[in-house]
């Protein structure tokens, strides 16, 4: 017998059959029959057996594991009587009879779990339905975005800025409801955990950059309706985008988000939280606030806005009218500044809402959430994405109410706007306004104290004082003057403090340079406003 020496391809140890081979054939190279003759009687014999056993036949009486192998595979093939099949009903009865009886406690637990699951699904489904039906008209994106936690946008200073616009087109008794009676900028910092807010005066004169009913320039409150007058979501987003750009250019901020709300939102949200507590203070020493502008609703038999100075609890309707009051109908008192008083009161209501929702844990209350969806659904539009909502709620919730600050653009020594709501520097001149806002939004305790500081170079190294002054200014110090020190010998750093107070600045300087601050007269003449003199001597780089 010759075996071919040609190498056979194999896979996993198996040699493939040659073409033409039949299952069971031997894989030899020639066609000779290996067994030329098979036994005619196929009997299997073992040593000591007198009788042979046919190959493939069972042994009668041999059992394995109690099973008689008379019914072997070979025998099964020869069964001629078919096995009677059970009906579906019989199988169910048999299965039920074979089941072990469940205890009563297990049955009760199962029922409770089923009812609980159905309750959760029904509540969850209800809120998903509400959000789909109303939420999609408020936010950008779809309901699946609620399961995301997308970071909110920031400007170069790490702040997130919002523009809130309030209009009264939902009030049938309000004339010119299309005007933006409320324009509020809100800026929050995730890192500093603070919020700043300020009103842009509704009477601020601006250049529209387009032809509007008032012309090419006029009051800012009419610009929103001038952009377009359509009612589609796309046109609403166009109005919001244009307002973000307009207000951002005026105040010097990158405004990422905008919100347009009807006054019904304020009323419904205040009612949803159970009312708010407002500290009412009449302006210019008035004993309270009175405005009869809204009392025609009750034929002047009631007062919608009449409060003594002090804290008052207001429901949604009274909070709304208090936010709109500006003393333009006699008799009136406590609102002598008109729009600035109204804007200050609007800020009070917003802070009170944040405090009420945070202190009472309403953000986790399903009933409150349902009311909020109803309140916002038909009366608020924004460019906020659904995938950003969770992050935004977490950020706002992490900021303490005491860290919400308001900026007054009209009052005080640093006022940058006049009583009519326009820049002191003149119409359309916004540089002073922008500087004031950026200084406050990016402020630190040192910058808020703003102690005038003089930086002097006593080292003989050219430009050292300017380098050091820039470093201090970056830390929030108010640098009043940079110059050379009088001739003399100076330590590496000498710090002189003039007058009392300014403890924040004093502590910061000590921490930075690890030197004792001197209360003696500095070696240089200074004016009455300077509070610190810092002299840098030799060995500084």
Protein backbone atom coordinates (compact mmCIF):
# COMPACT_ATOMS: atom_id res chain seq x y z
CA UNK A 1 0.00 0.00 0.00
CA UNK A 2 1.43 3.37 -1.05
CA UNK A 3 0.45 6.58 0.63
CA UNK A 4 0.73 9.81 -1.28
CA UNK A 5 3.47 12.09 0.02
CA UNK A 6 1.78 15.26 -1.24
CA UNK A 7 1.20 17.62 1.65
CA UNK A 8 -2.45 17.90 2.66
CA UNK A 9 -3.91 21.21 3.83
CA UNK A 10 -5.50 20.83 7.22
CA UNK A 11 -7.54 22.89 9.68
CA UNK A 12 -7.79 22.08 13.41
CA UNK A 13 -6.09 18.73 12.82
CA UNK A 14 -8.52 17.48 10.20
CA UNK A 15 -7.44 16.42 6.66
CA UNK A 16 -10.04 17.35 4.05
CA UNK A 17 -11.51 14.59 1.90
CA UNK A 18 -10.38 14.19 -1.66
CA UNK A 19 -12.81 15.00 -4.37
CA UNK A 20 -15.12 12.08 -4.93
CA UNK A 21 -14.65 10.52 -1.48
CA UNK A 22 -17.73 9.24 0.21
CA UNK A 23 -18.56 9.58 3.85
CA UNK A 24 -17.08 6.53 5.60
CA UNK A 25 -14.39 5.78 2.96
CA UNK A 26 -10.77 5.49 4.01
CA UNK A 27 -8.44 8.21 2.81
CA UNK A 28 -5.78 6.17 1.02
CA UNK A 29 -4.16 7.09 -2.19
CA UNK A 30 -5.03 3.94 -4.15
CA UNK A 31 -8.44 2.44 -4.70
CA UNK A 32 -7.65 -1.06 -3.48
CA UNK A 33 -10.10 -2.52 -0.99
CA UNK A 34 -8.30 -2.76 2.33
CA UNK A 35 -10.65 -5.49 3.60
CA UNK A 36 -11.18 -7.68 0.65
CA UNK A 37 -13.78 -9.71 2.41
CA UNK A 38 -16.01 -8.92 5.37
CA UNK A 39 -17.45 -11.68 7.59
CA UNK A 40 -20.76 -12.84 6.41
CA UNK A 41 -22.03 -13.19 9.97
CA UNK A 42 -21.51 -9.92 11.78
CA UNK A 43 -21.14 -11.28 15.31
CA UNK A 44 -19.28 -9.61 18.10
CA UNK A 45 -17.59 -12.15 20.40
CA UNK A 46 -15.72 -11.58 23.61
CA UNK A 47 -13.40 -13.84 25.47
CA UNK A 48 -15.26 -16.61 27.29
CA UNK A 49 -18.53 -16.07 25.49
CA UNK A 50 -20.12 -19.04 23.86
CA UNK A 51 -22.57 -17.02 21.88
CA UNK A 52 -21.93 -14.10 19.70
CA UNK A 53 -23.81 -10.84 19.77
CA UNK A 54 -24.95 -9.15 16.67
CA UNK A 55 -23.37 -5.73 16.23
CA UNK A 56 -25.94 -3.05 16.95
CA UNK A 57 -28.30 -5.32 18.96
CA UNK A 58 -29.08 -4.82 22.65
CA UNK A 59 -28.53 -7.39 25.40
CA UNK A 60 -31.75 -8.57 26.86
CA UNK A 61 -31.91 -7.98 30.57
CA UNK A 62 -28.90 -5.64 30.79
CA UNK A 63 -29.93 -2.49 32.72
CA UNK A 64 -28.03 0.76 33.19
CA UNK A 65 -29.24 3.02 35.94
CA UNK A 66 -32.54 1.19 36.14
CA UNK A 67 -33.41 1.79 32.49
CA UNK A 68 -33.98 -1.31 30.39
CA UNK A 69 -32.08 -0.85 27.15
CA UNK A 70 -34.50 -3.20 25.34
CA UNK A 71 -35.94 0.10 24.29
CA UNK A 72 -32.76 1.25 22.62
CA UNK A 73 -32.45 3.69 19.79
CA UNK A 74 -32.72 0.76 17.37
CA UNK A 75 -35.86 -0.51 19.03
CA UNK A 76 -37.39 2.98 19.14
CA UNK A 77 -37.07 3.16 15.39
CA UNK A 78 -39.13 0.04 15.11
CA UNK A 79 -42.05 1.20 17.28
CA UNK A 80 -45.14 1.21 15.16
CA UNK A 81 -47.63 2.50 17.75
CA UNK A 82 -47.55 6.36 17.92
CA UNK A 83 -47.40 8.02 21.37
CA UNK A 84 -50.64 9.80 22.26
CA UNK A 85 -50.08 13.59 22.43
CA UNK A 86 -51.55 15.67 25.28
CA UNK A 87 -53.83 18.57 24.47
CA UNK A 88 -52.87 22.09 25.43
CA UNK A 89 -55.49 22.11 28.19
CA UNK A 90 -54.18 18.80 29.58
CA UNK A 91 -50.63 20.15 29.62
CA UNK A 92 -51.75 23.24 31.55
CA UNK A 93 -53.59 21.08 34.11
CA UNK A 94 -50.57 18.80 34.48
CA UNK A 95 -48.20 21.77 34.88
CA UNK A 96 -50.49 23.32 37.48
CA UNK A 97 -50.68 20.05 39.44
CA UNK A 98 -46.87 19.74 39.47
CA UNK A 99 -46.32 23.33 40.76
CA UNK A 100 -45.43 23.83 44.38
CA UNK A 101 -48.02 25.94 46.19
CA UNK A 102 -46.86 29.52 46.90
CA UNK A 103 -47.20 30.89 50.37
CA UNK A 104 -49.75 33.64 51.01
CA UNK A 105 -46.98 36.11 51.97
CA UNK A 106 -45.20 35.61 48.65
CA UNK A 107 -48.44 36.23 46.79
CA UNK A 108 -49.08 39.45 48.71
CA UNK A 109 -45.51 40.70 48.07
CA UNK A 110 -45.88 39.97 44.38
CA UNK A 111 -49.13 41.93 44.16
CA UNK A 112 -47.60 44.90 46.03
CA UNK A 113 -44.57 44.94 43.72
CA UNK A 114 -46.78 44.85 40.65
CA UNK A 115 -48.94 47.72 41.94
CA UNK A 116 -45.83 49.73 42.86
CA UNK A 117 -44.31 49.21 39.41
CA UNK A 118 -47.57 50.25 37.75
CA UNK A 119 -47.70 53.37 39.95
CA UNK A 120 -44.15 54.38 39.06
CA UNK A 121 -44.75 53.78 35.37
CA UNK A 122 -48.00 55.75 35.41
CA UNK A 123 -46.46 58.74 37.22
CA UNK A 124 -43.33 58.66 35.05
CA UNK A 125 -45.41 58.31 31.93
CA UNK A 126 -47.60 61.22 32.99
CA UNK A 127 -44.65 63.57 33.42
CA UNK A 128 -43.03 62.38 30.20
CA UNK A 129 -46.33 63.07 28.42
CA UNK A 130 -46.55 66.54 29.97
CA UNK A 131 -42.99 67.36 29.00
CA UNK A 132 -43.43 66.09 25.45
CA UNK A 133 -46.67 68.02 25.02
CA UNK A 134 -45.41 71.28 26.54
CA UNK A 135 -41.68 71.04 27.24
CA UNK A 136 -40.71 70.70 23.60
CA UNK A 137 -42.23 74.10 22.93
CA UNK A 138 -40.13 75.64 25.76
CA UNK A 139 -36.66 74.15 25.32
CA UNK A 140 -34.57 73.21 22.32
CA UNK A 141 -33.98 69.48 21.71
CA UNK A 142 -36.14 66.48 22.55
CA UNK A 143 -37.23 64.80 25.79
CA UNK A 144 -34.35 62.28 25.62
CA UNK A 145 -32.00 65.16 26.36
CA UNK A 146 -33.28 65.15 29.95
CA UNK A 147 -31.24 62.00 30.55
CA UNK A 148 -28.03 63.84 29.58
CA UNK A 149 -25.90 66.08 31.76
CA UNK A 150 -24.34 68.37 29.17
CA UNK A 151 -22.16 71.23 30.52
CA UNK A 152 -23.64 74.70 30.16
CA UNK A 153 -21.81 77.28 28.05
CA UNK A 154 -19.35 79.81 29.52
CA UNK A 155 -17.66 83.02 28.42
CA UNK A 156 -13.90 83.70 28.53
CA UNK A 157 -14.24 84.63 32.22
CA UNK A 158 -15.89 81.30 33.08
CA UNK A 159 -19.34 82.84 33.55
CA UNK A 160 -22.69 81.79 32.07
CA UNK A 161 -24.89 84.73 31.07
CA UNK A 162 -28.67 84.85 30.57
CA UNK A 163 -30.93 87.51 29.11
CA UNK A 164 -34.48 87.49 30.53
CA UNK A 165 -37.17 89.39 28.62
CA UNK A 166 -40.64 90.07 30.00
CA UNK A 167 -43.56 91.13 27.82
CA UNK A 168 -47.27 91.67 28.49
CA UNK A 169 -48.97 90.49 25.32
CA UNK A 170 -50.84 87.92 27.44
CA UNK A 171 -52.55 90.75 29.39
CA UNK A 172 -55.63 91.95 27.47
CA UNK A 173 -55.80 95.17 29.52
CA UNK A 174 -52.17 96.13 28.93
CA UNK A 175 -51.42 98.56 26.12
CA UNK A 176 -48.29 97.98 24.03
CA UNK A 177 -47.90 94.48 25.45
CA UNK A 178 -45.35 93.67 22.75
CA UNK A 179 -42.76 95.92 24.45
CA UNK A 180 -40.10 94.34 26.64
CA UNK A 181 -41.05 95.97 29.94
CA UNK A 182 -38.42 93.90 31.74
CA UNK A 183 -34.84 93.31 30.50
CA UNK A 184 -32.70 91.51 33.06
CA UNK A 185 -29.18 90.10 32.68
CA UNK A 186 -28.26 87.24 35.02
CA UNK A 187 -24.64 86.03 35.23
CA UNK A 188 -23.57 82.98 37.24
CA UNK A 189 -20.19 81.40 37.97
CA UNK A 190 -19.85 77.68 38.70
CA UNK A 191 -16.37 78.19 40.14
CA UNK A 192 -17.09 81.20 42.37
CA UNK A 193 -20.59 79.97 43.26
CA UNK A 194 -22.19 83.39 42.79
CA UNK A 195 -24.91 85.08 40.74
CA UNK A 196 -25.06 88.72 39.65
CA UNK A 197 -28.11 90.35 38.12
CA UNK A 198 -28.93 93.80 36.79
CA UNK A 199 -31.68 95.43 34.77
CA UNK A 200 -31.04 97.11 31.44
CA UNK A 201 -33.21 100.26 31.57
CA UNK A 202 -36.19 99.90 29.23
CA UNK A 203 -35.77 103.56 28.14
CA UNK A 204 -32.12 103.13 27.12
CA UNK A 205 -31.62 104.69 23.69
CA UNK A 206 -29.95 102.42 21.15
CA UNK A 207 -29.25 102.23 17.43
CA UNK A 208 -31.39 99.49 15.90
CA UNK A 209 -29.31 98.89 12.79
CA UNK A 210 -32.59 98.59 10.84
CA UNK A 211 -35.74 100.57 10.13
CA UNK A 212 -38.23 100.27 13.01
CA UNK A 213 -41.50 102.11 13.76
CA UNK A 214 -39.48 104.57 15.90
CA UNK A 215 -36.87 105.03 13.17
CA UNK A 216 -33.29 103.80 13.12
CA UNK A 217 -32.78 104.52 16.80
CA UNK A 218 -35.01 104.66 19.85
CA UNK A 219 -35.77 102.91 23.15
CA UNK A 220 -34.41 99.40 23.63
CA UNK A 221 -37.82 98.05 24.75
CA UNK A 222 -39.27 98.27 21.22
CA UNK A 223 -36.43 96.47 19.42
CA UNK A 224 -37.69 92.93 20.18
CA UNK A 225 -40.94 93.39 18.25
CA UNK A 226 -39.13 95.23 15.43
CA UNK A 227 -36.94 92.21 14.54
CA UNK A 228 -39.95 90.34 13.13
CA UNK A 229 -43.62 89.86 13.98
CA UNK A 230 -43.97 86.15 13.24
CA UNK A 231 -45.28 83.49 15.63
CA UNK A 232 -43.33 80.41 14.51
CA UNK A 233 -40.64 78.88 16.76
CA UNK A 234 -37.99 79.77 14.17
CA UNK A 235 -38.95 83.46 14.19
CA UNK A 236 -39.06 83.48 17.98
CA UNK A 237 -35.51 82.12 18.09
CA UNK A 238 -34.46 84.81 15.61
CA UNK A 239 -35.81 87.49 17.97
CA UNK A 240 -34.03 85.94 20.96
CA UNK A 241 -30.74 85.66 19.07
CA UNK A 242 -30.88 89.29 17.91
CA UNK A 243 -31.66 90.51 21.43
CA UNK A 244 -28.71 88.55 22.87
CA UNK A 245 -26.41 90.20 20.35
CA UNK A 246 -27.84 93.70 20.92
CA UNK A 247 -27.73 93.59 24.74
CA UNK A 248 -24.40 91.75 24.77
CA UNK A 249 -22.75 94.50 22.69
CA UNK A 250 -24.15 97.19 24.99
CA UNK A 251 -23.13 95.67 28.34
CA UNK A 252 -19.90 94.03 27.10
CA UNK A 253 -20.87 90.41 27.78
CA UNK A 254 -21.05 87.22 25.75
CA UNK A 255 -24.67 86.25 26.45
CA UNK A 256 -25.17 82.57 25.72
CA UNK A 257 -28.82 82.09 26.69
CA UNK A 258 -32.05 84.07 26.47
CA UNK A 259 -35.51 83.55 27.94
CA UNK A 260 -38.72 85.23 26.82
CA UNK A 261 -41.56 85.08 29.35
CA UNK A 262 -45.07 86.50 29.49
CA UNK A 263 -46.14 87.99 32.80
CA UNK A 264 -48.37 84.95 33.37
CA UNK A 265 -45.18 82.97 34.07
CA UNK A 266 -44.36 85.14 37.09
CA UNK A 267 -47.87 84.86 38.48
CA UNK A 268 -48.12 81.09 38.00
CA UNK A 269 -44.62 80.34 39.30
CA UNK A 270 -45.17 82.41 42.45
CA UNK A 271 -48.43 80.55 43.05
CA UNK A 272 -46.67 77.23 42.42
CA UNK A 273 -44.19 77.88 45.26
CA UNK A 274 -46.98 79.00 47.60
CA UNK A 275 -46.23 82.73 47.43
CA UNK A 276 -43.12 84.76 48.24
CA UNK A 277 -42.02 87.10 51.03
CA UNK A 278 -40.87 90.52 49.76
CA UNK A 279 -39.19 93.27 51.76
CA UNK A 280 -41.04 96.36 50.53
CA UNK A 281 -39.21 99.69 50.89
CA UNK A 282 -40.56 102.91 49.44
CA UNK A 283 -38.02 105.12 47.70
CA UNK A 284 -36.88 108.55 48.95
CA UNK A 285 -38.01 107.91 52.52
CA UNK A 286 -41.64 107.07 51.69
CA UNK A 287 -43.53 105.02 54.34
CA UNK A 288 -44.30 102.31 51.81
CA UNK A 289 -45.50 101.82 48.23
CA UNK A 290 -48.79 102.78 46.58
CA UNK A 291 -49.72 102.54 42.90
CA UNK A 292 -53.39 102.67 41.82
CA UNK A 293 -52.61 101.82 38.19
CA UNK A 294 -54.16 98.34 38.46
CA UNK A 295 -57.17 99.03 40.68
CA UNK A 296 -59.55 99.55 37.76
CA UNK A 297 -59.82 95.76 37.74
CA UNK A 298 -61.90 95.96 40.92
CA UNK A 299 -63.52 99.31 40.00
CA UNK A 300 -61.15 101.03 42.46
CA UNK A 301 -62.78 99.31 45.42
CA UNK A 302 -59.49 97.53 46.33
CA UNK A 303 -55.71 98.02 46.30
CA UNK A 304 -53.45 95.75 44.27
CA UNK A 305 -50.26 97.63 45.19
CA UNK A 306 -50.42 99.21 48.66
CA UNK A 307 -47.82 98.16 51.25
CA UNK A 308 -46.17 99.67 54.29
CA UNK A 309 -42.41 99.30 54.56
CA UNK A 310 -41.51 95.80 55.73
CA UNK A 311 -41.85 92.15 54.69
CA UNK A 312 -45.12 91.16 52.99
CA UNK A 313 -46.31 87.76 51.71
CA UNK A 314 -47.59 88.00 48.13
CA UNK A 315 -49.44 85.54 45.97
CA UNK A 316 -48.90 85.37 42.22
CA UNK A 317 -51.32 88.12 41.25
CA UNK A 318 -50.06 90.65 43.81
CA UNK A 319 -46.41 89.82 43.07
CA UNK A 320 -47.09 90.45 39.37
CA UNK A 321 -48.62 93.89 39.94
CA UNK A 322 -45.86 94.81 42.41
CA UNK A 323 -43.32 93.91 39.69
CA UNK A 324 -45.13 96.17 37.19
CA UNK A 325 -45.72 99.13 39.50
CA UNK A 326 -43.83 102.35 38.72
CA UNK A 327 -46.10 105.04 40.14
CA UNK A 328 -47.42 106.46 36.88
CA UNK A 329 -51.02 106.90 38.09
CA UNK A 330 -52.00 109.25 40.93
CA UNK A 331 -52.32 108.98 43.85
CA UNK A 332 -48.98 107.25 44.33
CA UNK A 333 -45.92 107.21 46.59
CA UNK A 334 -42.78 105.15 47.20
CA UNK A 335 -42.03 104.83 43.46
CA UNK A 336 -40.64 108.28 42.76
CA UNK A 337 -37.85 106.92 40.53
CA UNK A 338 -40.35 105.11 38.29
CA UNK A 339 -38.55 102.50 36.17
CA UNK A 340 -35.50 102.10 38.46
CA UNK A 341 -37.85 101.34 41.39
CA UNK A 342 -39.76 98.83 39.29
CA UNK A 343 -36.55 97.13 38.16
CA UNK A 344 -35.27 96.88 41.75
CA UNK A 345 -38.56 95.29 42.84
CA UNK A 346 -38.41 92.77 40.00
CA UNK A 347 -34.98 91.68 41.23
CA UNK A 348 -36.37 91.26 44.75
CA UNK A 349 -39.07 88.92 43.45
CA UNK A 350 -36.57 86.78 41.52
CA UNK A 351 -34.33 86.39 44.59
CA UNK A 352 -37.36 85.54 46.75
CA UNK A 353 -38.41 82.85 44.25
CA UNK A 354 -34.94 81.27 44.27
CA UNK A 355 -34.90 81.30 48.09
CA UNK A 356 -38.39 79.78 48.40
CA UNK A 357 -37.72 76.97 45.93
CA UNK A 358 -34.34 76.14 47.46
CA UNK A 359 -35.33 76.30 51.13
CA UNK A 360 -38.43 74.13 50.75
CA UNK A 361 -36.97 71.50 48.41
CA UNK A 362 -39.69 72.11 45.85
CA UNK A 363 -37.43 71.11 42.97
CA UNK A 364 -37.85 67.47 44.02
CA UNK A 365 -41.64 67.71 44.55
CA UNK A 366 -43.64 66.05 41.76
CA UNK A 367 -46.67 68.27 42.35
CA UNK A 368 -44.53 71.39 42.05
CA UNK A 369 -42.85 70.11 38.89
CA UNK A 370 -46.25 69.48 37.35
CA UNK A 371 -47.38 73.02 38.17
CA UNK A 372 -44.15 74.45 36.81
CA UNK A 373 -44.56 72.62 33.50
CA UNK A 374 -48.10 73.99 33.25
CA UNK A 375 -46.93 77.51 34.13
CA UNK A 376 -44.09 77.57 31.64
CA UNK A 377 -45.60 75.55 28.82
CA UNK A 378 -47.56 78.26 27.05
CA UNK A 379 -45.77 81.34 28.29
CA UNK A 380 -42.00 80.85 28.02
CA UNK A 381 -39.53 80.35 25.19
CA UNK A 382 -35.76 79.89 25.38
CA UNK A 383 -32.73 78.58 23.50
CA UNK A 384 -31.67 76.40 26.46
CA UNK A 385 -31.21 72.78 25.35
CA UNK A 386 -32.97 69.92 27.15
CA UNK A 387 -29.59 68.21 27.56
CA UNK A 388 -28.38 71.23 29.59
CA UNK A 389 -31.31 71.41 32.02
CA UNK A 390 -29.97 68.95 34.61
CA UNK A 391 -26.61 70.74 34.80
CA UNK A 392 -28.30 74.13 35.04
CA UNK A 393 -30.56 73.01 37.89
CA UNK A 394 -27.58 71.54 39.76
CA UNK A 395 -25.50 74.71 39.33
CA UNK A 396 -28.27 77.10 40.42
CA UNK A 397 -29.15 74.83 43.34
CA UNK A 398 -25.55 74.85 44.57
CA UNK A 399 -25.45 78.66 44.90
CA UNK A 400 -26.49 80.12 48.25
CA UNK A 401 -29.13 82.85 48.22
CA UNK A 402 -26.70 85.12 50.09
CA UNK A 403 -24.36 84.89 47.08
CA UNK A 404 -26.94 86.38 44.71
CA UNK A 405 -26.01 90.04 44.21
CA UNK A 406 -27.67 92.88 42.33
CA UNK A 407 -25.89 95.68 40.48
CA UNK A 408 -27.30 99.19 40.64
CA UNK A 409 -26.41 101.09 37.50
CA UNK A 410 -28.15 104.33 38.50
CA UNK A 411 -27.50 104.97 42.21
CA UNK A 412 -24.32 105.38 44.22
CA UNK A 413 -20.91 106.94 43.69
CA UNK A 414 -20.09 104.56 40.83
CA UNK A 415 -23.40 105.05 39.00
CA UNK A 416 -22.86 104.84 35.25
CA UNK A 417 -26.45 105.61 34.14
CA UNK A 418 -28.55 108.72 34.73
CA UNK A 419 -32.12 108.83 35.99
CA UNK A 420 -33.56 108.48 32.49
CA UNK A 421 -31.74 105.19 32.01
CA UNK A 422 -29.02 106.36 29.63
CA UNK A 423 -25.21 106.44 30.05
CA UNK A 424 -23.82 109.41 31.93
CA UNK A 425 -21.17 109.68 29.26
CA UNK A 426 -23.85 110.38 26.64
CA UNK A 427 -26.24 108.53 24.33
CA UNK A 428 -24.80 105.40 22.69
CA UNK A 429 -21.58 105.66 24.76
CA UNK A 430 -21.37 102.35 26.67
CA UNK A 431 -17.67 102.12 27.64
CA UNK A 432 -18.20 103.16 31.28
CA UNK A 433 -21.16 100.78 31.62
CA UNK A 434 -19.16 97.85 30.27
CA UNK A 435 -16.18 98.53 32.55
CA UNK A 436 -18.46 98.78 35.60
CA UNK A 437 -20.20 95.49 34.83
CA UNK A 438 -17.03 93.51 34.09
CA UNK A 439 -15.35 94.84 37.22
CA UNK A 440 -18.22 93.68 39.43
CA UNK A 441 -18.89 90.34 37.74
CA UNK A 442 -15.27 89.29 37.98
CA UNK A 443 -14.78 90.79 41.40
CA UNK A 444 -13.08 89.30 44.42
CA UNK A 445 -13.33 90.51 48.05
CA UNK A 446 -10.23 92.64 47.36
CA UNK A 447 -11.66 94.21 44.21
CA UNK A 448 -14.97 94.91 45.93
CA UNK A 449 -13.09 96.72 48.71
CA UNK A 450 -11.24 98.68 45.96
CA UNK A 451 -8.71 100.33 48.28
CA UNK A 452 -6.57 102.75 46.18
CA UNK A 453 -3.00 101.40 46.13
CA UNK A 454 0.24 103.05 44.98
CA UNK A 455 3.07 100.84 43.63
CA UNK A 456 6.63 102.30 43.70
CA UNK A 457 9.92 101.03 42.29
CA UNK A 458 12.76 101.35 44.80
CA UNK A 459 15.03 98.72 43.25
CA UNK A 460 16.70 100.68 40.47
CA UNK A 461 15.57 98.00 38.02
CA UNK A 462 13.67 99.58 35.15
CA UNK A 463 10.05 98.47 34.72
CA UNK A 464 9.82 96.50 37.99
CA UNK A 465 6.99 98.62 39.43
CA UNK A 466 4.87 98.09 36.29
CA UNK A 467 5.42 94.32 36.43
CA UNK A 468 4.41 94.19 40.08
CA UNK A 469 1.42 96.50 39.56
CA UNK A 470 0.09 94.26 36.78
CA UNK A 471 0.40 91.24 39.09
CA UNK A 472 -1.52 93.03 41.83
CA UNK A 473 -4.19 94.26 39.42
CA UNK A 474 -4.73 90.70 38.23
CA UNK A 475 -5.48 89.81 41.88
CA UNK A 476 -8.18 92.49 42.01
CA UNK A 477 -6.21 95.37 43.59
CA UNK A 478 -7.20 98.93 42.72
CA UNK A 479 -3.92 100.42 41.43
CA UNK A 480 -4.07 104.22 41.67
CA UNK A 481 -0.49 105.06 40.66
CA UNK A 482 2.72 103.39 39.41
CA UNK A 483 5.97 105.39 39.82
CA UNK A 484 9.57 105.40 41.08
CA UNK A 485 10.22 105.64 44.82
CA UNK A 486 12.35 108.51 46.21
CA UNK A 487 16.07 107.78 46.49
CA UNK A 488 16.84 105.64 49.49
CA UNK A 489 17.43 102.13 50.77
CA UNK A 490 14.43 99.82 50.78
CA UNK A 491 13.73 96.28 51.86
CA UNK A 492 12.64 93.73 49.29
CA UNK A 493 9.00 94.68 49.96
CA UNK A 494 7.68 97.50 52.16
CA UNK A 495 3.95 98.05 52.68
CA UNK A 496 2.43 101.14 54.30
CA UNK A 497 -1.22 101.39 55.34
CA UNK A 498 -2.96 104.75 55.62
CA UNK A 499 -6.04 105.09 57.79
CA UNK A 500 -8.43 102.48 59.22
CA UNK A 501 -10.45 99.72 57.59
CA UNK A 502 -9.67 97.88 54.34
CA UNK A 503 -8.88 94.72 56.30
CA UNK A 504 -9.46 92.42 53.31
CA UNK A 505 -6.80 94.23 51.25
CA UNK A 506 -4.41 94.34 54.21
CA UNK A 507 -4.72 90.58 54.83
CA UNK A 508 -4.24 89.80 51.15
CA UNK A 509 -1.02 91.86 50.94
CA UNK A 510 0.37 90.14 54.03
CA UNK A 511 -0.40 86.71 52.60
CA UNK A 512 1.22 87.56 49.27
CA UNK A 513 4.48 89.06 50.54
CA UNK A 514 4.79 87.72 54.11
CA UNK A 515 5.82 91.09 55.57
CA UNK A 516 4.48 93.18 58.42
CA UNK A 517 2.40 96.11 57.27
CA UNK A 518 3.58 99.47 58.61
CA UNK A 519 1.17 102.08 59.96
CA UNK A 520 3.80 104.83 59.88
CA UNK A 521 4.00 107.64 57.33
CA UNK A 522 5.28 106.39 53.95
CA UNK A 523 8.42 107.99 52.39
CA UNK A 524 6.37 109.70 49.69
CA UNK A 525 3.66 112.35 49.52
CA UNK A 526 0.21 110.92 48.80
CA UNK A 527 -3.27 112.32 48.31
CA UNK A 528 -6.18 111.71 50.65
CA UNK A 529 -7.69 108.77 48.72
CA UNK A 530 -4.67 106.41 48.82
CA UNK A 531 -4.93 103.60 51.39
CA UNK A 532 -1.79 101.52 50.66
CA UNK A 533 1.73 102.22 49.41
CA UNK A 534 3.78 99.21 48.25
CA UNK A 535 7.52 99.75 47.57
CA UNK A 536 9.58 97.04 45.85
CA UNK A 537 13.29 97.23 46.68
CA UNK A 538 16.38 95.40 45.36
CA UNK A 539 16.66 91.62 44.74
CA UNK A 540 13.21 91.50 43.08
CA UNK A 541 12.92 89.91 39.66
